[in-house]
Protein backbone atom coordinates (compact mmCIF):
# COMPACT_ATOMS: atom_id res chain seq x y z
CA MET A 1 -120.39 115.99 -100.05
CA ARG A 2 -120.38 118.29 -96.82
CA ALA A 3 -117.39 119.10 -95.34
CA ALA A 4 -116.90 117.90 -91.50
CA VAL A 5 -117.63 120.69 -88.94
CA LYS A 6 -114.81 120.87 -86.48
CA PHE A 7 -115.43 122.91 -83.27
CA LYS A 8 -112.54 123.92 -80.83
CA ARG A 9 -113.15 124.46 -77.30
CA GLN A 10 -112.33 127.93 -76.24
CA GLU A 11 -110.20 127.64 -73.26
CA VAL A 12 -110.73 129.95 -70.41
CA LYS A 13 -107.58 131.11 -68.44
CA GLY A 14 -106.82 128.91 -65.76
CA SER A 15 -109.38 126.24 -66.58
CA THR A 16 -106.78 123.33 -66.76
CA TYR A 17 -108.63 121.47 -63.71
CA LEU A 18 -111.78 119.85 -65.42
CA VAL A 19 -113.72 117.38 -63.02
CA LYS A 20 -117.32 115.98 -63.29
CA LEU A 21 -119.06 116.20 -60.04
CA ARG A 22 -122.41 113.95 -59.26
CA ILE A 23 -124.02 116.36 -56.82
CA ASP A 24 -127.45 113.82 -56.68
CA PRO A 25 -128.47 110.35 -58.69
CA LYS A 26 -129.45 113.20 -61.54
CA THR A 27 -127.46 115.90 -61.26
CA VAL A 28 -123.87 116.04 -63.03
CA ILE A 29 -122.09 119.26 -63.18
CA MET A 30 -118.61 120.09 -64.64
CA VAL A 31 -115.89 122.00 -62.18
CA ARG A 32 -113.31 124.35 -63.74
CA THR A 33 -111.22 125.19 -60.82
CA LYS A 34 -110.33 123.92 -57.34
CA GLU A 35 -111.97 126.86 -55.73
CA SER A 36 -115.34 126.02 -57.41
CA LEU A 37 -114.48 122.56 -56.38
CA LYS A 38 -114.22 123.35 -53.08
CA ASN A 39 -117.67 125.56 -52.88
CA TRP A 40 -119.55 122.84 -54.39
CA LYS A 41 -118.29 120.06 -52.08
CA THR A 42 -119.35 122.69 -49.03
CA LYS A 43 -123.13 122.76 -50.31
CA TYR A 44 -123.08 118.96 -51.49
CA PRO A 45 -121.06 117.21 -49.28
CA ASP A 46 -122.09 113.76 -50.39
CA ALA A 47 -121.01 114.90 -54.06
CA VAL A 48 -118.93 112.19 -55.84
CA GLU A 49 -115.87 113.16 -58.16
CA ILE A 50 -116.18 111.18 -61.72
CA ILE A 51 -112.93 111.68 -63.48
């Protein structure tokens, strides 16, 4: 039997704000900060936030 491998997600300082952003029908990105979200929303005003 093999032991289960568990991966821990490394936390980046100030990365408590995670949001998925759908910028077009095929592309979904993860945004970590509010400033980054603001930048992406200015580039893609029709982007939709997904939880």
